[in-house]
Amino acid sequence: MVDVFKKRSNSLYAIDEKSTLRKSHENPYVKEVYKEFLEKPGSHKAHELLHTSYAPRRKYNI
């Protein structure tokens, strides 16, 4: 099972290395969303819409 995780991880890293947009703050689409709607990184609206909170949950035995 561990081998599957390692293969998936390696594949994701390989895909990321080939990507032209690797950093969200440099992505023109993200910049446009902030400019038109979210105002600026860290704004109240951005925090309210983009951040989440976590609640403890019970674990499942799979």
Protein backbone atom coordinates (compact mmCIF):
# COMPACT_ATOMS: atom_id res chain seq x y z
CA MET A 1 0.00 0.00 0.00
CA VAL A 2 2.85 2.39 0.80
CA ASP A 3 4.17 1.91 -2.73
CA VAL A 4 0.93 3.40 -4.12
CA PHE A 5 1.32 6.52 -1.97
CA LYS A 6 4.94 6.95 -3.04
CA LYS A 7 4.06 6.59 -6.73
CA ARG A 8 1.24 9.10 -6.41
CA SER A 9 3.49 11.53 -4.57
CA ASN A 10 6.20 11.23 -7.21
CA SER A 11 3.65 11.78 -9.98
CA LEU A 12 2.26 14.90 -8.31
CA TYR A 13 5.73 16.38 -7.84
CA ALA A 14 6.57 15.66 -11.50
CA ILE A 15 3.37 17.36 -12.67
CA ASP A 16 4.10 20.36 -10.44
CA GLU A 17 7.63 20.75 -11.80
CA LYS A 18 6.25 20.97 -15.35
CA SER A 19 3.53 23.49 -14.48
CA THR A 20 3.93 27.06 -15.65
CA LEU A 21 1.78 28.43 -12.81
CA ARG A 22 3.28 27.00 -9.64
CA LYS A 23 2.66 29.85 -7.21
CA SER A 24 -0.86 31.03 -6.54
CA HIS A 25 0.18 34.62 -5.85
CA GLU A 26 1.63 34.79 -9.39
CA ASN A 27 -1.45 33.30 -11.07
CA PRO A 28 -3.21 35.96 -13.18
CA TYR A 29 -6.63 34.42 -12.46
CA VAL A 30 -6.07 34.60 -8.71
CA LYS A 31 -4.84 38.19 -9.06
CA GLU A 32 -8.01 39.07 -10.97
CA VAL A 33 -10.27 37.51 -8.30
CA TYR A 34 -8.56 39.57 -5.62
CA LYS A 35 -8.70 42.73 -7.72
CA GLU A 36 -12.37 42.38 -8.62
CA PHE A 37 -13.85 40.69 -5.57
CA LEU A 38 -11.65 39.92 -2.57
CA GLU A 39 -9.91 43.32 -2.37
CA LYS A 40 -6.52 42.16 -1.02
CA PRO A 41 -4.90 39.11 0.59
CA GLY A 42 -5.84 38.97 4.25
CA SER A 43 -8.93 41.12 3.83
CA HIS A 44 -12.00 40.30 5.88
CA LYS A 45 -13.88 39.14 2.77
CA ALA A 46 -10.99 36.91 1.65
CA HIS A 47 -10.67 35.38 5.09
CA GLU A 48 -14.40 34.82 5.40
CA LEU A 49 -14.69 33.10 2.02
CA LEU A 50 -11.37 31.25 1.67
CA HIS A 51 -10.58 30.01 5.16
CA THR A 52 -12.20 27.09 6.86
CA SER A 53 -12.40 25.76 10.36
CA TYR A 54 -12.01 22.22 11.50
CA ALA A 55 -13.96 20.21 14.02
CA PRO A 56 -12.80 17.00 15.63
CA ARG A 57 -14.33 13.96 13.99
CA ARG A 58 -14.28 10.34 14.88
CA LYS A 59 -11.97 8.08 12.92
CA TYR A 60 -13.25 5.35 10.69
CA ASN A 61 -11.67 1.93 10.64
CA ILE A 62 -11.16 1.21 6.95
